[in-house]
Amino acid sequence: MKRLILWDHERGSWQYDVFCLLIIAFIFLTPNAWFDKSDKATKSPSATVQSKANTAK
């Protein structure tokens, strides 16, 4: 497990190739919904900051 975490394999070995394939698979096969948080963001904090900035003038 230590070699896996520290990436202690020689380049060109089958372990290195498997790690690289797993990383590439994660990048391309992960659903966009896992990373798209824009629909859950609220607009009230930024509106509050803007309104406070406008009242400070």
N, C-alpha and C. Protein backbone atom coordinates (compact mmCIF):
# COMPACT_ATOMS: atom_id res chain seq x y z
N MET A 1 0.82 -1.19 0.00
CA MET A 1 0.00 0.00 0.00
C MET A 1 0.87 1.26 0.00
N LYS A 2 2.01 1.17 0.69
CA LYS A 2 2.92 2.32 0.73
C LYS A 2 3.42 2.66 -0.67
N ARG A 3 3.74 1.65 -1.47
CA ARG A 3 4.23 1.91 -2.83
C ARG A 3 3.13 2.51 -3.70
N LEU A 4 1.89 2.14 -3.43
CA LEU A 4 0.76 2.70 -4.18
C LEU A 4 0.59 4.18 -3.87
N ILE A 5 0.64 4.53 -2.60
CA ILE A 5 0.45 5.92 -2.19
C ILE A 5 1.61 6.79 -2.62
N LEU A 6 2.82 6.31 -2.49
CA LEU A 6 4.00 7.10 -2.83
C LEU A 6 4.39 7.00 -4.31
N TRP A 7 3.64 6.18 -5.07
CA TRP A 7 3.89 6.02 -6.51
C TRP A 7 5.33 5.60 -6.72
N ASP A 8 5.69 4.48 -6.10
CA ASP A 8 7.07 4.02 -6.07
C ASP A 8 7.33 2.91 -7.10
N HIS A 9 6.76 3.06 -8.28
CA HIS A 9 6.96 2.06 -9.32
C HIS A 9 7.73 2.67 -10.47
N GLU A 10 8.53 1.86 -11.11
CA GLU A 10 9.31 2.34 -12.26
C GLU A 10 8.39 2.64 -13.43
N ARG A 11 8.76 3.65 -14.17
CA ARG A 11 8.00 4.01 -15.35
C ARG A 11 8.14 2.89 -16.38
N GLY A 12 7.02 2.48 -16.96
CA GLY A 12 7.03 1.41 -17.93
C GLY A 12 6.68 0.06 -17.34
N SER A 13 6.55 -0.03 -16.03
CA SER A 13 6.14 -1.29 -15.42
C SER A 13 4.63 -1.44 -15.56
N TRP A 14 4.13 -2.64 -15.39
CA TRP A 14 2.70 -2.84 -15.55
C TRP A 14 1.92 -2.14 -14.43
N GLN A 15 2.50 -1.99 -13.25
CA GLN A 15 1.81 -1.29 -12.17
C GLN A 15 1.64 0.20 -12.51
N TYR A 16 2.68 0.78 -13.07
CA TYR A 16 2.63 2.18 -13.48
C TYR A 16 1.57 2.38 -14.56
N ASP A 17 1.52 1.47 -15.51
CA ASP A 17 0.53 1.55 -16.59
C ASP A 17 -0.88 1.44 -16.04
N VAL A 18 -1.10 0.55 -15.09
CA VAL A 18 -2.43 0.38 -14.50
C VAL A 18 -2.83 1.64 -13.74
N PHE A 19 -1.91 2.23 -12.98
CA PHE A 19 -2.22 3.47 -12.27
C PHE A 19 -2.61 4.57 -13.24
N CYS A 20 -1.85 4.71 -14.30
CA CYS A 20 -2.14 5.75 -15.30
C CYS A 20 -3.51 5.52 -15.95
N LEU A 21 -3.82 4.28 -16.27
CA LEU A 21 -5.12 3.97 -16.86
C LEU A 21 -6.26 4.26 -15.90
N LEU A 22 -6.06 3.98 -14.62
CA LEU A 22 -7.09 4.29 -13.63
C LEU A 22 -7.33 5.79 -13.51
N ILE A 23 -6.27 6.56 -13.55
CA ILE A 23 -6.41 8.01 -13.48
C ILE A 23 -7.13 8.54 -14.70
N ILE A 24 -6.75 8.08 -15.87
CA ILE A 24 -7.40 8.52 -17.11
C ILE A 24 -8.86 8.08 -17.14
N ALA A 25 -9.15 6.86 -16.70
CA ALA A 25 -10.53 6.39 -16.65
C ALA A 25 -11.36 7.26 -15.71
N PHE A 26 -10.79 7.63 -14.57
CA PHE A 26 -11.52 8.49 -13.64
C PHE A 26 -11.82 9.84 -14.27
N ILE A 27 -10.85 10.40 -14.97
CA ILE A 27 -11.04 11.71 -15.59
C ILE A 27 -12.15 11.67 -16.64
N PHE A 28 -12.14 10.67 -17.49
CA PHE A 28 -13.07 10.64 -18.61
C PHE A 28 -14.40 9.97 -18.31
N LEU A 29 -14.48 9.13 -17.29
CA LEU A 29 -15.70 8.40 -17.02
C LEU A 29 -16.50 8.94 -15.83
N THR A 30 -15.96 9.92 -15.14
CA THR A 30 -16.68 10.52 -14.02
C THR A 30 -17.80 11.39 -14.55
N PRO A 31 -19.02 11.22 -14.03
CA PRO A 31 -20.13 12.05 -14.50
C PRO A 31 -19.92 13.52 -14.16
N ASN A 32 -20.34 14.39 -15.05
CA ASN A 32 -20.20 15.83 -14.83
C ASN A 32 -20.99 16.30 -13.63
N ALA A 33 -22.06 15.61 -13.30
CA ALA A 33 -22.89 16.00 -12.17
C ALA A 33 -22.12 15.95 -10.85
N TRP A 34 -21.08 15.17 -10.77
CA TRP A 34 -20.28 15.10 -9.55
C TRP A 34 -19.55 16.41 -9.30
N PHE A 35 -19.25 17.15 -10.35
CA PHE A 35 -18.45 18.36 -10.23
C PHE A 35 -19.25 19.64 -10.47
N ASP A 36 -20.44 19.53 -11.04
CA ASP A 36 -21.25 20.70 -11.35
C ASP A 36 -22.10 21.07 -10.14
N LYS A 37 -21.66 22.07 -9.42
CA LYS A 37 -22.37 22.49 -8.21
C LYS A 37 -23.08 23.84 -8.42
N SER A 38 -23.16 24.33 -9.65
CA SER A 38 -23.73 25.64 -9.89
C SER A 38 -25.21 25.70 -9.58
N ASP A 39 -25.94 24.61 -9.77
CA ASP A 39 -27.37 24.64 -9.51
C ASP A 39 -27.67 24.65 -8.01
N LYS A 40 -26.73 24.26 -7.18
CA LYS A 40 -26.94 24.24 -5.74
C LYS A 40 -26.44 25.51 -5.07
N ALA A 41 -25.75 26.34 -5.80
CA ALA A 41 -25.22 27.57 -5.21
C ALA A 41 -26.35 28.59 -5.04
N THR A 42 -26.32 29.30 -3.96
CA THR A 42 -27.33 30.34 -3.73
C THR A 42 -26.76 31.68 -4.14
N LYS A 43 -27.65 32.54 -4.58
CA LYS A 43 -27.22 33.86 -5.03
C LYS A 43 -27.35 34.89 -3.93
N SER A 44 -27.94 34.54 -2.82
CA SER A 44 -28.16 35.52 -1.77
C SER A 44 -26.88 36.04 -1.12
N PRO A 45 -25.84 35.22 -0.89
CA PRO A 45 -24.63 35.80 -0.27
C PRO A 45 -23.97 36.86 -1.14
N SER A 46 -23.88 36.64 -2.44
CA SER A 46 -23.26 37.65 -3.28
C SER A 46 -24.14 38.89 -3.39
N ALA A 47 -25.46 38.69 -3.41
CA ALA A 47 -26.36 39.83 -3.44
C ALA A 47 -26.26 40.62 -2.14
N THR A 48 -26.08 39.93 -1.04
CA THR A 48 -25.93 40.61 0.25
C THR A 48 -24.66 41.43 0.27
N VAL A 49 -23.59 40.88 -0.24
CA VAL A 49 -22.32 41.61 -0.26
C VAL A 49 -22.43 42.82 -1.15
N GLN A 50 -23.06 42.67 -2.30
CA GLN A 50 -23.21 43.80 -3.21
C GLN A 50 -24.09 44.88 -2.60
N SER A 51 -25.16 44.50 -1.94
CA SER A 51 -26.05 45.52 -1.38
C SER A 51 -25.36 46.26 -0.23
N LYS A 52 -24.55 45.55 0.55
CA LYS A 52 -23.80 46.22 1.62
C LYS A 52 -22.77 47.16 1.03
N ALA A 53 -22.16 46.78 -0.07
CA ALA A 53 -21.16 47.64 -0.70
C ALA A 53 -21.83 48.90 -1.26
N ASN A 54 -23.03 48.75 -1.78
CA ASN A 54 -23.74 49.90 -2.34
C ASN A 54 -24.22 50.84 -1.24
N THR A 55 -24.55 50.32 -0.08
CA THR A 55 -25.03 51.18 1.00
C THR A 55 -23.87 51.88 1.71
N ALA A 56 -22.66 51.38 1.56
CA ALA A 56 -21.50 51.98 2.23
C ALA A 56 -21.05 53.26 1.54
N LYS A 57 -21.48 53.48 0.32
CA LYS A 57 -21.04 54.67 -0.44
C LYS A 57 -21.60 55.93 0.12
